[in-house]
Amino acid sequence: MIVAAALAGCAAQPSDDEARRRAEQVFRESFAHGNRDMAARVERQDEVQSLCSLYRNEPPREVADRIERSQAASMRYPVTGKLLGDWRQGERIAQDGYGLRFTDPDTKRPNGGGCYNCHRIAPAEISYGTIGPSLYRFGALRGSGEATQRYVYGKIYDSQASTACSNMPRFGHNGVLTEEQITHLVALLLDPDSPVNK
């Protein structure tokens, strides 16, 4: 009797195609009142996203090299040449997760970075994610020279340019953050007066 009930339960499971169809339907419905641009990026992946999905974020070295070269070539730095903004504004952007959640409405409000979702940054913040490395004392340990500023700006603008299939969002490449916002985040990490480096 128990075996028959278990077999009947197994027979009631949807096929892989049906399960995939249902999952896609739920995904689309969950964006009904949210940001359609964000949904479109998931539904219509660009070449980098497609390659990372294909290789489950572990592409062969030649594919990883191709991703990194293509993304480095598309990197845009501020025309002013200024990469270090205001760390105070950077802290507000780091704390603000608006625009990265699928439930956020499609409005003209500036997006945030939501950096604490993945990183430890300043010691005053007691709730932070650990999927990304700790950034606490980043500038104090690495300095704040031009090469470091370019590295940090590039990592935030498009992390795929240095690490293919990185978990980090491509904030600048995808237009989530403006170039100016990214310079403020660079300052948050590198400015000696920032709480990150205290």
C-alpha atoms as a PDB file:
ATOM      1  CA  MET A   1       0.000   0.000   0.000  1.00  0.00           C
ATOM      2  CA  ILE A   2       2.784   2.448   0.899  1.00  0.00           C
ATOM      3  CA  VAL A   3       4.714   1.521  -2.240  1.00  0.00           C
ATOM      4  CA  ALA A   4       1.595   2.053  -4.372  1.00  0.00           C
ATOM      5  CA  ALA A   5       1.029   5.480  -2.796  1.00  0.00           C
ATOM      6  CA  ALA A   6       4.667   6.445  -3.394  1.00  0.00           C
ATOM      7  CA  LEU A   7       4.482   5.325  -7.021  1.00  0.00           C
ATOM      8  CA  ALA A   8       1.272   7.266  -7.517  1.00  0.00           C
ATOM      9  CA  GLY A   9       2.977  10.371  -6.096  1.00  0.00           C
ATOM     10  CA  CYS A  10       5.901   9.950  -8.487  1.00  0.00           C
ATOM     11  CA  ALA A  11       3.559   9.568 -11.421  1.00  0.00           C
ATOM     12  CA  ALA A  12       1.906  12.889 -10.525  1.00  0.00           C
ATOM     13  CA  GLN A  13       5.165  14.851 -10.901  1.00  0.00           C
ATOM     14  CA  PRO A  14       5.186  17.218 -13.888  1.00  0.00           C
ATOM     15  CA  SER A  15       7.548  16.529 -16.750  1.00  0.00           C
ATOM     16  CA  ASP A  16      10.697  18.617 -17.051  1.00  0.00           C
ATOM     17  CA  ASP A  17       9.101  20.612 -19.870  1.00  0.00           C
ATOM     18  CA  GLU A  18       5.956  21.261 -17.830  1.00  0.00           C
ATOM     19  CA  ALA A  19       7.973  22.255 -14.750  1.00  0.00           C
ATOM     20  CA  ARG A  20      10.080  24.634 -16.894  1.00  0.00           C
ATOM     21  CA  ARG A  21       6.931  26.134 -18.454  1.00  0.00           C
ATOM     22  CA  ARG A  22       5.388  26.690 -15.010  1.00  0.00           C
ATOM     23  CA  ALA A  23       8.573  28.239 -13.622  1.00  0.00           C
ATOM     24  CA  GLU A  24       8.798  30.661 -16.563  1.00  0.00           C
ATOM     25  CA  GLN A  25       5.138  31.598 -16.116  1.00  0.00           C
ATOM     26  CA  VAL A  26       5.666  32.362 -12.408  1.00  0.00           C
ATOM     27  CA  PHE A  27       8.792  34.375 -13.274  1.00  0.00           C
ATOM     28  CA  ARG A  28       6.936  36.514 -15.838  1.00  0.00           C
ATOM     29  CA  GLU A  29       3.948  37.061 -13.534  1.00  0.00           C
ATOM     30  CA  SER A  30       6.239  38.152 -10.694  1.00  0.00           C
ATOM     31  CA  PHE A  31       7.465  41.028 -12.884  1.00  0.00           C
ATOM     32  CA  ALA A  32       3.932  42.165 -13.723  1.00  0.00           C
ATOM     33  CA  HIS A  33       4.267  45.292 -11.536  1.00  0.00           C
ATOM     34  CA  GLY A  34       8.056  45.491 -11.415  1.00  0.00           C
ATOM     35  CA  ASN A  35      10.857  46.699 -13.603  1.00  0.00           C
ATOM     36  CA  ARG A  36      10.356  45.308 -17.116  1.00  0.00           C
ATOM     37  CA  ASP A  37      13.878  46.293 -18.173  1.00  0.00           C
ATOM     38  CA  MET A  38      15.293  44.007 -15.509  1.00  0.00           C
ATOM     39  CA  ALA A  39      13.001  41.171 -16.566  1.00  0.00           C
ATOM     40  CA  ALA A  40      14.017  41.649 -20.203  1.00  0.00           C
ATOM     41  CA  ARG A  41      17.697  41.280 -19.276  1.00  0.00           C
ATOM     42  CA  VAL A  42      16.944  37.887 -17.754  1.00  0.00           C
ATOM     43  CA  GLU A  43      14.701  36.766 -20.592  1.00  0.00           C
ATOM     44  CA  ARG A  44      17.021  37.942 -23.385  1.00  0.00           C
ATOM     45  CA  GLN A  45      20.533  37.288 -22.185  1.00  0.00           C
ATOM     46  CA  ASP A  46      23.442  38.991 -23.893  1.00  0.00           C
ATOM     47  CA  GLU A  47      26.400  36.931 -25.142  1.00  0.00           C
ATOM     48  CA  VAL A  48      28.250  37.078 -21.811  1.00  0.00           C
ATOM     49  CA  GLN A  49      25.217  35.954 -19.810  1.00  0.00           C
ATOM     50  CA  SER A  50      24.522  33.169 -22.310  1.00  0.00           C
ATOM     51  CA  LEU A  51      28.093  31.875 -22.140  1.00  0.00           C
ATOM     52  CA  CYS A  52      28.144  31.987 -18.342  1.00  0.00           C
ATOM     53  CA  SER A  53      24.799  30.153 -18.221  1.00  0.00           C
ATOM     54  CA  LEU A  54      26.011  27.584 -20.739  1.00  0.00           C
ATOM     55  CA  TYR A  55      29.106  26.798 -18.682  1.00  0.00           C
ATOM     56  CA  ARG A  56      27.397  27.266 -15.309  1.00  0.00           C
ATOM     57  CA  ASN A  57      29.783  30.129 -14.466  1.00  0.00           C
ATOM     58  CA  GLU A  58      32.878  27.976 -15.034  1.00  0.00           C
ATOM     59  CA  PRO A  59      33.809  28.585 -18.671  1.00  0.00           C
ATOM     60  CA  PRO A  60      36.902  27.039 -20.248  1.00  0.00           C
ATOM     61  CA  ARG A  61      39.923  29.355 -20.131  1.00  0.00           C
ATOM     62  CA  GLU A  62      39.664  30.359 -23.809  1.00  0.00           C
ATOM     63  CA  VAL A  63      35.990  31.333 -23.355  1.00  0.00           C
ATOM     64  CA  ALA A  64      36.798  33.208 -20.129  1.00  0.00           C
ATOM     65  CA  ASP A  65      39.580  35.089 -21.941  1.00  0.00           C
ATOM     66  CA  ARG A  66      37.177  36.035 -24.741  1.00  0.00           C
ATOM     67  CA  ILE A  67      34.605  37.320 -22.215  1.00  0.00           C
ATOM     68  CA  GLU A  68      37.195  39.367 -20.330  1.00  0.00           C
ATOM     69  CA  ARG A  69      38.666  40.882 -23.520  1.00  0.00           C
ATOM     70  CA  SER A  70      35.258  41.833 -24.942  1.00  0.00           C
ATOM     71  CA  GLN A  71      34.120  43.416 -21.688  1.00  0.00           C
ATOM     72  CA  ALA A  72      37.398  45.268 -21.149  1.00  0.00           C
ATOM     73  CA  ALA A  73      37.049  46.713 -24.659  1.00  0.00           C
ATOM     74  CA  SER A  74      33.559  48.027 -23.846  1.00  0.00           C
ATOM     75  CA  MET A  75      34.584  49.645 -20.535  1.00  0.00           C
ATOM     76  CA  ARG A  76      33.708  53.346 -20.311  1.00  0.00           C
ATOM     77  CA  TYR A  77      35.523  55.618 -17.897  1.00  0.00           C
ATOM     78  CA  PRO A  78      34.290  59.149 -17.093  1.00  0.00           C
ATOM     79  CA  VAL A  79      35.312  61.670 -19.746  1.00  0.00           C
ATOM     80  CA  THR A  80      36.471  63.989 -16.960  1.00  0.00           C
ATOM     81  CA  GLY A  81      39.082  61.413 -15.971  1.00  0.00           C
ATOM     82  CA  LYS A  82      37.970  61.838 -12.350  1.00  0.00           C
ATOM     83  CA  LEU A  83      37.428  58.431 -10.734  1.00  0.00           C
ATOM     84  CA  LEU A  84      37.196  59.459  -7.076  1.00  0.00           C
ATOM     85  CA  GLY A  85      33.871  60.991  -6.062  1.00  0.00           C
ATOM     86  CA  ASP A  86      32.358  61.705  -2.632  1.00  0.00           C
ATOM     87  CA  TRP A  87      32.505  58.794  -0.183  1.00  0.00           C
ATOM     88  CA  ARG A  88      29.423  60.110   1.706  1.00  0.00           C
ATOM     89  CA  GLN A  89      27.313  59.742  -1.420  1.00  0.00           C
ATOM     90  CA  GLY A  90      29.001  56.387  -2.009  1.00  0.00           C
ATOM     91  CA  GLU A  91      27.833  55.170   1.399  1.00  0.00           C
ATOM     92  CA  ARG A  92      24.226  56.127   0.564  1.00  0.00           C
ATOM     93  CA  ILE A  93      24.459  54.285  -2.760  1.00  0.00           C
ATOM     94  CA  ALA A  94      26.014  51.225  -1.080  1.00  0.00           C
ATOM     95  CA  GLN A  95      23.158  51.101   1.448  1.00  0.00           C
ATOM     96  CA  ASP A  96      20.429  51.574  -1.164  1.00  0.00           C
ATOM     97  CA  GLY A  97      19.213  48.445  -2.951  1.00  0.00           C
ATOM     98  CA  TYR A  98      16.571  50.184  -5.041  1.00  0.00           C
ATOM     99  CA  GLY A  99      16.465  49.207  -8.689  1.00  0.00           C
ATOM    100  CA  LEU A 100      17.979  45.763  -8.292  1.00  0.00           C
ATOM    101  CA  ARG A 101      14.875  44.035  -7.010  1.00  0.00           C
ATOM    102  CA  PHE A 102      12.354  42.680  -9.452  1.00  0.00           C
ATOM    103  CA  THR A 103       9.515  44.268  -7.470  1.00  0.00           C
ATOM    104  CA  ASP A 104      10.889  47.798  -7.803  1.00  0.00           C
ATOM    105  CA  PRO A 105       8.629  49.822 -10.073  1.00  0.00           C
ATOM    106  CA  ASP A 106      10.018  51.161 -13.316  1.00  0.00           C
ATOM    107  CA  THR A 107      10.398  54.807 -12.281  1.00  0.00           C
ATOM    108  CA  LYS A 108      12.958  57.547 -12.692  1.00  0.00           C
ATOM    109  CA  ARG A 109      14.262  57.237  -9.112  1.00  0.00           C
ATOM    110  CA  PRO A 110      18.053  56.671  -9.122  1.00  0.00           C
ATOM    111  CA  ASN A 111      19.132  53.097  -8.496  1.00  0.00           C
ATOM    112  CA  GLY A 112      21.240  52.105  -5.557  1.00  0.00           C
ATOM    113  CA  GLY A 113      24.073  49.619  -5.423  1.00  0.00           C
ATOM    114  CA  GLY A 114      22.882  47.387  -2.597  1.00  0.00           C
ATOM    115  CA  CYS A 115      26.550  46.624  -1.924  1.00  0.00           C
ATOM    116  CA  TYR A 116      25.921  45.344   1.602  1.00  0.00           C
ATOM    117  CA  ASN A 117      23.821  42.533   0.146  1.00  0.00           C
ATOM    118  CA  CYS A 118      27.084  40.835  -0.856  1.00  0.00           C
ATOM    119  CA  HIS A 119      29.973  42.573   0.945  1.00  0.00           C
ATOM    120  CA  ARG A 120      31.151  43.649   4.362  1.00  0.00           C
ATOM    121  CA  ILE A 121      32.195  47.259   3.882  1.00  0.00           C
ATOM    122  CA  ALA A 122      32.121  49.528   6.936  1.00  0.00           C
ATOM    123  CA  PRO A 123      32.295  48.303  10.550  1.00  0.00           C
ATOM    124  CA  ALA A 124      29.125  50.157  11.604  1.00  0.00           C
ATOM    125  CA  GLU A 125      27.051  47.889   9.343  1.00  0.00           C
ATOM    126  CA  ILE A 126      26.199  44.718  11.250  1.00  0.00           C
ATOM    127  CA  SER A 127      24.111  43.056   8.551  1.00  0.00           C
ATOM    128  CA  TYR A 128      25.847  42.223   5.291  1.00  0.00           C
ATOM    129  CA  GLY A 129      26.175  39.432   2.782  1.00  0.00           C
ATOM    130  CA  THR A 130      29.170  37.198   2.314  1.00  0.00           C
ATOM    131  CA  ILE A 131      28.880  36.074  -1.310  1.00  0.00           C
ATOM    132  CA  GLY A 132      31.463  38.744  -2.175  1.00  0.00           C
ATOM    133  CA  PRO A 133      34.744  39.425  -0.380  1.00  0.00           C
ATOM    134  CA  SER A 134      34.999  41.738   2.593  1.00  0.00           C
ATOM    135  CA  LEU A 135      35.849  45.250   1.429  1.00  0.00           C
ATOM    136  CA  TYR A 136      36.525  46.592   4.922  1.00  0.00           C
ATOM    137  CA  ARG A 137      39.813  48.585   4.946  1.00  0.00           C
ATOM    138  CA  PHE A 138      40.064  48.123   1.165  1.00  0.00           C
ATOM    139  CA  GLY A 139      41.838  51.439   0.538  1.00  0.00           C
ATOM    140  CA  ALA A 140      43.912  51.255   3.699  1.00  0.00           C
ATOM    141  CA  LEU A 141      45.348  47.938   2.505  1.00  0.00           C
ATOM    142  CA  ARG A 142      45.696  48.709  -1.213  1.00  0.00           C
ATOM    143  CA  GLY A 143      46.237  52.461  -1.384  1.00  0.00           C
ATOM    144  CA  SER A 144      44.243  54.954  -3.412  1.00  0.00           C
ATOM    145  CA  GLY A 145      46.516  55.659  -6.377  1.00  0.00           C
ATOM    146  CA  GLU A 146      45.347  55.974  -9.970  1.00  0.00           C
ATOM    147  CA  ALA A 147      45.888  52.288 -10.796  1.00  0.00           C
ATOM    148  CA  THR A 148      43.793  51.225  -7.797  1.00  0.00           C
ATOM    149  CA  GLN A 149      41.084  53.762  -8.688  1.00  0.00           C
ATOM    150  CA  ARG A 150      40.916  52.387 -12.255  1.00  0.00           C
ATOM    151  CA  TYR A 151      40.774  48.816 -10.966  1.00  0.00           C
ATOM    152  CA  VAL A 152      37.939  49.548  -8.522  1.00  0.00           C
ATOM    153  CA  TYR A 153      35.989  51.618 -11.045  1.00  0.00           C
ATOM    154  CA  GLY A 154      36.343  48.842 -13.626  1.00  0.00           C
ATOM    155  CA  LYS A 155      35.319  46.138 -11.165  1.00  0.00           C
ATOM    156  CA  ILE A 156      32.115  48.030 -10.335  1.00  0.00           C
ATOM    157  CA  TYR A 157      31.436  49.102 -13.929  1.00  0.00           C
ATOM    158  CA  ASP A 158      31.802  45.594 -15.372  1.00  0.00           C
ATOM    159  CA  SER A 159      33.358  42.869 -13.247  1.00  0.00           C
ATOM    160  CA  GLN A 160      33.343  40.525 -16.250  1.00  0.00           C
ATOM    161  CA  ALA A 161      36.258  42.521 -17.698  1.00  0.00           C
ATOM    162  CA  SER A 162      38.575  41.084 -15.051  1.00  0.00           C
ATOM    163  CA  THR A 163      36.755  37.950 -13.845  1.00  0.00           C
ATOM    164  CA  ALA A 164      34.648  36.094 -16.393  1.00  0.00           C
ATOM    165  CA  CYS A 165      31.288  34.917 -15.027  1.00  0.00           C
ATOM    166  CA  SER A 166      31.713  36.861 -11.800  1.00  0.00           C
ATOM    167  CA  ASN A 167      28.700  36.919  -9.479  1.00  0.00           C
ATOM    168  CA  MET A 168      28.995  40.693  -9.263  1.00  0.00           C
ATOM    169  CA  PRO A 169      26.450  42.670 -11.293  1.00  0.00           C
ATOM    170  CA  ARG A 170      27.736  44.709 -14.228  1.00  0.00           C
ATOM    171  CA  PHE A 171      26.514  47.983 -12.716  1.00  0.00           C
ATOM    172  CA  GLY A 172      27.849  50.373 -15.348  1.00  0.00           C
ATOM    173  CA  HIS A 173      27.629  48.075 -18.362  1.00  0.00           C
ATOM    174  CA  ASN A 174      23.939  47.422 -17.686  1.00  0.00           C
ATOM    175  CA  GLY A 175      23.141  51.031 -16.792  1.00  0.00           C
ATOM    176  CA  VAL A 176      22.161  50.195 -13.228  1.00  0.00           C
ATOM    177  CA  LEU A 177      24.474  52.893 -11.874  1.00  0.00           C
ATOM    178  CA  THR A 178      25.732  56.036 -13.579  1.00  0.00           C
ATOM    179  CA  GLU A 179      29.437  56.760 -14.039  1.00  0.00           C
ATOM    180  CA  GLU A 180      29.153  59.435 -11.342  1.00  0.00           C
ATOM    181  CA  GLN A 181      27.562  57.001  -8.878  1.00  0.00           C
ATOM    182  CA  ILE A 182      30.393  54.558  -9.512  1.00  0.00           C
ATOM    183  CA  THR A 183      32.979  57.255  -8.724  1.00  0.00           C
ATOM    184  CA  HIS A 184      31.248  57.793  -5.369  1.00  0.00           C
ATOM    185  CA  LEU A 185      31.527  54.063  -4.632  1.00  0.00           C
ATOM    186  CA  VAL A 186      35.214  54.178  -5.574  1.00  0.00           C
ATOM    187  CA  ALA A 187      35.630  56.981  -3.026  1.00  0.00           C
ATOM    188  CA  LEU A 188      33.781  54.959  -0.391  1.00  0.00           C
ATOM    189  CA  LEU A 189      36.316  52.172  -0.808  1.00  0.00           C
ATOM    190  CA  LEU A 190      39.471  54.254  -1.234  1.00  0.00           C
ATOM    191  CA  ASP A 191      39.149  57.640   0.491  1.00  0.00           C
ATOM    192  CA  PRO A 192      41.190  57.628   3.725  1.00  0.00           C
ATOM    193  CA  ASP A 193      38.386  59.587   5.444  1.00  0.00           C
ATOM    194  CA  SER A 194      35.764  56.971   4.534  1.00  0.00           C
ATOM    195  CA  PRO A 195      34.561  54.770   7.416  1.00  0.00           C
ATOM    196  CA  VAL A 196      35.659  51.811   5.289  1.00  0.00           C
ATOM    197  CA  ASN A 197      39.289  52.696   5.979  1.00  0.00           C
ATOM    198  CA  LYS A 198      39.062  53.600   9.676  1.00  0.00           C
END
